[in-house]
Each structure stands twice: as structure tokens, then as C-alpha cells.
Protein backbone atom coordinates (compact mmCIF):
# COMPACT_ATOMS: atom_id res chain seq x y z
CA UNK A 1 151.12 147.09 80.24
CA UNK A 2 149.20 146.81 76.98
CA UNK A 3 151.83 144.95 74.97
CA UNK A 4 152.12 141.18 74.68
CA UNK A 5 155.39 139.25 74.54
CA UNK A 6 155.77 140.03 70.84
CA UNK A 7 155.73 143.78 71.40
CA UNK A 8 152.33 144.22 69.74
CA UNK A 9 149.58 146.12 71.46
CA UNK A 10 146.68 143.88 72.43
CA UNK A 11 144.14 145.76 70.27
CA UNK A 12 146.57 146.83 67.55
CA UNK A 13 145.22 146.41 64.01
CA UNK A 14 147.47 144.32 61.82
CA UNK A 15 147.05 144.91 58.10
CA UNK A 16 148.56 143.39 54.99
CA UNK A 17 149.66 144.77 51.63
CA UNK A 18 148.78 143.62 48.13
CA UNK A 19 152.37 142.37 47.87
CA UNK A 20 151.66 140.05 50.81
CA UNK A 21 148.63 138.70 48.94
CA UNK A 22 150.24 138.42 45.51
CA UNK A 23 152.99 136.25 46.98
CA UNK A 24 150.36 133.61 47.89
CA UNK A 25 148.09 133.31 44.85
CA UNK A 26 147.85 131.42 41.57
CA UNK A 27 145.52 132.94 38.97
CA UNK A 28 143.27 130.67 36.91
CA UNK A 29 143.31 132.05 33.35
CA UNK A 30 139.80 130.73 32.62
CA UNK A 31 137.84 131.72 35.74
CA UNK A 32 140.12 134.63 36.71
CA UNK A 33 140.00 133.32 40.27
CA UNK A 34 143.03 134.22 42.34
CA UNK A 35 143.43 130.91 44.18
CA UNK A 36 144.96 131.27 47.64
CA UNK A 37 147.91 128.91 48.18
CA UNK A 38 148.81 130.24 51.62
CA UNK A 39 147.53 129.33 55.07
CA UNK A 40 143.87 128.57 55.73
CA UNK A 41 141.80 128.79 58.91
CA UNK A 42 138.20 127.58 59.05
CA UNK A 43 138.33 127.18 55.23
CA UNK A 44 139.16 130.88 54.82
CA UNK A 45 142.43 132.33 53.47
CA UNK A 46 144.61 133.82 56.19
CA UNK A 47 148.03 135.35 56.62
CA UNK A 48 149.93 135.45 59.87
CA UNK A 49 151.63 138.78 60.44
CA UNK A 50 153.48 139.64 63.64
CA UNK A 51 152.04 136.46 65.15
CA UNK A 52 148.44 137.50 64.45
CA UNK A 53 145.92 135.95 62.08
CA UNK A 54 144.69 138.28 59.33
CA UNK A 55 141.63 137.35 57.22
CA UNK A 56 142.83 137.87 53.64
CA UNK A 57 139.48 138.51 51.92
CA UNK A 58 138.53 141.18 54.42
CA UNK A 59 141.84 142.97 53.96
CA UNK A 60 141.80 142.67 50.16
CA UNK A 61 138.26 144.07 50.10
CA UNK A 62 139.32 147.03 52.26
CA UNK A 63 142.41 147.67 50.13
CA UNK A 64 140.53 147.53 46.81
CA UNK A 65 136.98 148.65 47.57
CA UNK A 66 136.81 150.31 50.98
CA UNK A 67 135.48 149.61 54.44
CA UNK A 68 133.01 146.85 55.19
CA UNK A 69 129.90 148.10 56.98
CA UNK A 70 128.94 146.42 60.24
CA UNK A 71 126.65 143.46 59.61
CA UNK A 72 128.06 142.65 56.17
CA UNK A 73 130.22 139.81 54.93
CA UNK A 74 132.61 139.54 51.96
CA UNK A 75 131.01 136.97 49.67
CA UNK A 76 132.72 135.41 46.65
CA UNK A 77 130.44 135.56 43.61
CA UNK A 78 132.54 132.82 41.97
CA UNK A 79 131.78 130.55 44.95
CA UNK A 80 135.39 129.33 45.11
CA UNK A 81 136.38 129.07 48.76
CA UNK A 82 140.04 129.80 47.99
CA UNK A 83 139.54 132.79 45.66
CA UNK A 84 140.76 136.22 46.80
CA UNK A 85 140.11 138.16 43.56
CA UNK A 86 138.55 141.48 44.55
CA UNK A 87 136.52 141.53 41.33
CA UNK A 88 134.68 138.44 42.60
CA UNK A 89 133.92 140.03 45.99
CA UNK A 90 130.51 141.41 46.87
CA UNK A 91 129.11 142.47 50.19
CA UNK A 92 126.13 140.58 51.57
CA UNK A 93 124.30 140.94 54.86
CA UNK A 94 125.41 138.36 57.42
CA UNK A 95 123.30 135.26 56.94
CA UNK A 96 122.46 135.96 53.29
CA UNK A 97 125.48 133.99 52.10
CA UNK A 98 124.27 131.02 54.13
CA UNK A 99 120.83 131.25 52.51
CA UNK A 100 122.49 131.35 49.07
CA UNK A 101 124.64 128.33 49.93
CA UNK A 102 121.70 126.36 51.30
CA UNK A 103 119.64 127.13 48.18
CA UNK A 104 122.34 125.49 46.07
CA UNK A 105 123.27 128.63 44.12
């Protein structure tokens, strides 16, 4: 059987809505950052839906801007680890964000 104890298929995609996100943010009027006040995993904003972890930035990007190509990462141009404002999101190749961080930008 392909369902776990919670009734969710093993490979089922769990998505969130903007209402889910809006319930967990506080907006900074100066920076316009939407600071995440919900759960965090590995210093990244997450929501738990149907017992599954959902990466908030990835889902917000998909909701607001579209799919993320393989090999790319959602990077926050504001450099605030807790921001989930889609206007601050840019796609970067995997590894490029680490180079930017290491360069002190």
C-alpha cells in the first residue's frame, strides 16, 4: 500500500496557500521584509502540513513567480534568513549563493 499512517501517499506533493504564509509573517515597514514567525528547520522557514515539512520560500516562489528550474535555489536579495517576501526572491544556481555569502556580500 502506498499510504502512510496519516493517509497521505508517500510521494504526494503537499502545497501551501498564501493564507498559510500570511498567518505566519510580520512585515517590516522599512525593509519590506516579510519576517517569518513560524517554524524553522535548518534556519529556513517551514510549515508542517498533513505531518509533512514544506519549505516556505520554495512554495511562495512557485505561487508568485512560477516553477524553479532544476539546479537553482531561491535566494533572498535582502539577505534576511527569515524573510519570505517574494519581491526579495531571486533564483541563483546552486552554489552561487554560497559564493555570495563567503564573499561577504
